[in-house]
């Protein structure tokens, strides 16, 4: 063994001796394993729920459609109800999803004002559901429109597809604006709090 190898070995040994074992290493590993198992269970549950929903929708479509001369026929109001049901499902699926991933983001933005952050999340949830259900009420149809027929045709399919795309676009734009505005709001609130804390107490003269 030459001198270079000996020096390298000594340096590695000295470096290993200076490393201190983390006291919470085992705990962190166990928590990581637990989180991984929990995520796997959640993914399986989500996949199961999604499969059940797809199967239910497929069963409903098969049950309410008729075949005549090789064409699949469905009453216009059935597709309207299916679209409304899909919009409601999207609302109740996107709401908790956005809240779960946005909670940590809001907590980081409002770390100096945690109570304000919690209130903001609650108000955002209320606004989210108000926008979603008002959109559903605005776009629901109680009779065939324009080029629609008594059975589903291309015009109605295009209309219902646009309804689904419209609500996703609206929610996406609103949340993008929210992501950009939150840091500014959090910074302003933090500055206001710092100014209030640094301001000298007012003295009342008799």
Protein backbone atom coordinates (compact mmCIF):
# COMPACT_ATOMS: atom_id res chain seq x y z
CA UNK A 1 0.00 0.00 0.00
CA UNK A 2 1.53 3.31 -1.06
CA UNK A 3 1.48 6.55 0.87
CA UNK A 4 -1.41 8.01 -1.13
CA UNK A 5 -3.67 5.09 -0.27
CA UNK A 6 -2.69 5.31 3.39
CA UNK A 7 -3.42 9.03 3.50
CA UNK A 8 -6.77 8.47 1.82
CA UNK A 9 -7.65 5.68 4.26
CA UNK A 10 -6.66 7.80 7.24
CA UNK A 11 -8.71 10.73 5.95
CA UNK A 12 -11.78 8.54 5.48
CA UNK A 13 -11.36 6.99 8.92
CA UNK A 14 -10.98 10.38 10.58
CA UNK A 15 -14.03 11.67 8.74
CA UNK A 16 -16.08 8.67 9.84
CA UNK A 17 -15.04 9.19 13.45
CA UNK A 18 -16.20 12.80 13.42
CA UNK A 19 -19.67 11.90 12.14
CA UNK A 20 -22.24 11.85 14.91
CA UNK A 21 -25.13 9.45 14.74
CA UNK A 22 -28.48 11.18 14.46
CA UNK A 23 -30.58 10.34 17.53
CA UNK A 24 -33.85 10.44 15.58
CA UNK A 25 -32.62 8.54 12.52
CA UNK A 26 -34.62 5.40 13.32
CA UNK A 27 -37.74 7.43 14.04
CA UNK A 28 -37.48 9.27 10.75
CA UNK A 29 -36.99 6.02 8.85
CA UNK A 30 -40.04 4.49 10.55
CA UNK A 31 -42.12 7.58 9.78
CA UNK A 32 -41.00 7.47 6.16
CA UNK A 33 -42.01 3.82 5.87
CA UNK A 34 -45.36 4.57 7.52
CA UNK A 35 -46.02 7.48 5.16
CA UNK A 36 -45.13 5.33 2.17
CA UNK A 37 -47.55 2.62 3.29
CA UNK A 38 -50.27 5.20 3.91
CA UNK A 39 -49.80 6.68 0.44
CA UNK A 40 -50.05 3.24 -1.12
CA UNK A 41 -53.29 2.56 0.71
CA UNK A 42 -54.67 5.94 -0.37
CA UNK A 43 -53.70 5.32 -4.00
CA UNK A 44 -55.41 1.93 -3.93
CA UNK A 45 -58.52 3.45 -2.38
CA UNK A 46 -58.59 6.22 -4.99
CA UNK A 47 -58.14 3.71 -7.78
CA UNK A 48 -60.96 1.59 -6.35
CA UNK A 49 -63.31 4.56 -6.05
CA UNK A 50 -62.45 5.72 -9.57
CA UNK A 51 -63.08 2.23 -10.92
CA UNK A 52 -66.45 2.05 -9.17
CA UNK A 53 -67.45 5.45 -10.56
CA UNK A 54 -66.44 4.49 -14.10
CA UNK A 55 -68.31 1.20 -13.81
CA UNK A 56 -71.41 2.95 -12.44
CA UNK A 57 -71.38 5.54 -15.24
CA UNK A 58 -70.91 2.83 -17.84
CA UNK A 59 -73.79 0.81 -16.37
CA UNK A 60 -76.06 3.87 -16.37
CA UNK A 61 -75.16 4.71 -19.97
CA UNK A 62 -75.84 1.15 -21.10
CA UNK A 63 -79.14 1.08 -19.20
CA UNK A 64 -80.50 4.33 -20.63
CA UNK A 65 -79.41 3.98 -24.26
CA UNK A 66 -81.26 2.28 -27.08
CA UNK A 67 -79.91 0.87 -30.30
CA UNK A 68 -81.89 1.52 -33.46
CA UNK A 69 -80.67 0.65 -36.95
CA UNK A 70 -77.09 0.51 -35.71
CA UNK A 71 -77.26 3.91 -34.01
CA UNK A 72 -77.01 4.46 -30.26
CA UNK A 73 -79.81 6.71 -29.03
CA UNK A 74 -80.11 8.54 -25.71
CA UNK A 75 -82.65 11.12 -24.60
CA UNK A 76 -81.17 14.60 -24.33
CA UNK A 77 -82.11 15.04 -20.68
CA UNK A 78 -80.22 11.89 -19.67
CA UNK A 79 -76.93 13.32 -20.95
CA UNK A 80 -77.78 16.58 -19.19
CA UNK A 81 -78.21 14.76 -15.88
CA UNK A 82 -74.98 12.81 -16.42
CA UNK A 83 -73.10 16.05 -17.07
CA UNK A 84 -74.51 17.67 -13.94
CA UNK A 85 -73.54 14.59 -11.92
CA UNK A 86 -70.01 14.72 -13.34
CA UNK A 87 -69.70 18.39 -12.43
CA UNK A 88 -70.79 17.67 -8.86
CA UNK A 89 -68.31 14.78 -8.60
CA UNK A 90 -65.52 17.01 -9.92
CA UNK A 91 -66.43 19.68 -7.37
CA UNK A 92 -66.30 17.30 -4.42
CA UNK A 93 -63.11 15.69 -5.73
CA UNK A 94 -61.16 18.84 -6.59
CA UNK A 95 -62.12 20.69 -3.41
CA UNK A 96 -60.42 18.37 -0.88
CA UNK A 97 -57.54 17.78 -3.30
CA UNK A 98 -56.75 21.48 -3.61
CA UNK A 99 -57.21 21.99 0.12
CA UNK A 100 -54.87 19.13 1.01
CA UNK A 101 -52.02 20.37 -1.16
CA UNK A 102 -52.72 24.05 -0.52
CA UNK A 103 -52.73 23.82 3.28
CA UNK A 104 -48.95 23.58 3.59
CA UNK A 105 -48.48 26.33 1.01
CA UNK A 106 -50.82 28.67 2.87
CA UNK A 107 -49.17 27.78 6.18
CA UNK A 108 -45.78 28.76 4.75
CA UNK A 109 -47.12 32.00 3.30
CA UNK A 110 -48.96 32.95 6.50
CA UNK A 111 -46.38 31.55 8.92
CA UNK A 112 -46.34 34.86 10.78
CA UNK A 113 -50.16 34.92 10.89
CA UNK A 114 -51.32 31.29 11.26
CA UNK A 115 -54.86 32.23 12.29
CA UNK A 116 -55.19 34.37 9.19
CA UNK A 117 -53.99 31.44 7.08
CA UNK A 118 -56.64 29.12 8.51
CA UNK A 119 -59.36 31.70 7.96
CA UNK A 120 -58.15 32.26 4.41
CA UNK A 121 -58.35 28.54 3.62
CA UNK A 122 -61.90 28.34 4.97
CA UNK A 123 -63.01 31.38 2.97
CA UNK A 124 -61.35 29.97 -0.14
CA UNK A 125 -63.31 26.72 0.29
CA UNK A 126 -66.57 28.64 0.55
CA UNK A 127 -65.75 30.70 -2.55
CA UNK A 128 -64.72 27.55 -4.43
CA UNK A 129 -68.02 25.76 -3.85
CA UNK A 130 -70.05 28.91 -4.54
CA UNK A 131 -68.33 29.31 -7.91
CA UNK A 132 -68.75 25.65 -8.78
CA UNK A 133 -72.44 25.35 -7.95
CA UNK A 134 -73.36 28.72 -9.42
CA UNK A 135 -71.68 27.60 -12.66
CA UNK A 136 -73.76 24.42 -12.64
CA UNK A 137 -76.98 26.38 -12.11
CA UNK A 138 -76.09 28.92 -14.80
CA UNK A 139 -75.36 26.26 -17.45
CA UNK A 140 -78.04 23.66 -16.72
CA UNK A 141 -80.64 23.21 -19.47
CA UNK A 142 -84.31 22.41 -18.89
CA UNK A 143 -85.22 22.00 -22.55
CA UNK A 144 -83.38 21.27 -25.81
CA UNK A 145 -81.42 24.21 -27.17
CA UNK A 146 -80.95 25.44 -30.72
CA UNK A 147 -79.64 22.56 -32.81
CA UNK A 148 -80.36 19.95 -30.15
CA UNK A 149 -82.82 17.15 -30.83
CA UNK A 150 -84.93 14.91 -28.64
CA UNK A 151 -82.00 12.52 -28.62
CA UNK A 152 -78.33 13.30 -28.06
CA UNK A 153 -76.56 14.71 -31.10
CA UNK A 154 -73.21 16.31 -31.89
CA UNK A 155 -74.36 19.80 -30.89
CA UNK A 156 -75.33 18.69 -27.40
CA UNK A 157 -72.14 16.66 -26.98
CA UNK A 158 -70.10 19.72 -27.88
CA UNK A 159 -72.08 21.83 -25.42
CA UNK A 160 -71.66 19.39 -22.53
CA UNK A 161 -67.95 18.98 -23.25
CA UNK A 162 -67.56 22.75 -23.21
CA UNK A 163 -69.30 22.87 -19.81
CA UNK A 164 -66.79 20.44 -18.32
CA UNK A 165 -63.85 22.24 -19.90
CA UNK A 166 -65.20 25.62 -18.81
CA UNK A 167 -65.36 24.86 -15.10
CA UNK A 168 -61.89 23.30 -15.14
CA UNK A 169 -60.53 26.38 -16.90
CA UNK A 170 -62.23 28.75 -14.44
CA UNK A 171 -60.93 26.90 -11.39
CA UNK A 172 -57.45 26.66 -12.91
CA UNK A 173 -57.28 30.39 -13.66
CA UNK A 174 -58.62 31.35 -10.23
CA UNK A 175 -56.17 29.13 -8.38
CA UNK A 176 -53.27 30.33 -10.52
CA UNK A 177 -54.15 33.90 -9.59
CA UNK A 178 -54.48 32.78 -5.98
CA UNK A 179 -50.99 31.26 -6.01
CA UNK A 180 -49.56 34.51 -7.32
CA UNK A 181 -51.48 36.74 -4.92
CA UNK A 182 -50.94 34.73 -1.73
CA UNK A 183 -47.22 35.56 -1.25
CA UNK A 184 -47.97 39.26 -1.70
CA UNK A 185 -50.79 39.12 0.84
CA UNK A 186 -48.67 37.16 3.30
CA UNK A 187 -45.80 39.62 2.95
CA UNK A 188 -48.07 42.62 3.48
CA UNK A 189 -49.63 41.07 6.57
CA UNK A 190 -46.19 40.27 7.97
CA UNK A 191 -44.98 43.83 7.39
CA UNK A 192 -48.10 45.26 9.03
CA UNK A 193 -47.58 43.03 12.05
CA UNK A 194 -43.93 44.02 12.32
CA UNK A 195 -44.87 47.69 12.14
CA UNK A 196 -47.48 47.25 14.86
CA UNK A 197 -45.00 45.47 17.11
CA UNK A 198 -42.24 48.04 16.55
CA UNK A 199 -44.50 51.05 17.03
CA UNK A 200 -44.10 52.67 20.48
CA UNK A 201 -47.13 52.50 22.75
CA UNK A 202 -49.28 55.58 22.62
CA UNK A 203 -49.15 57.81 25.66
CA UNK A 204 -52.35 59.37 26.85
CA UNK A 205 -52.01 62.77 28.39
CA UNK A 206 -54.36 63.85 31.08
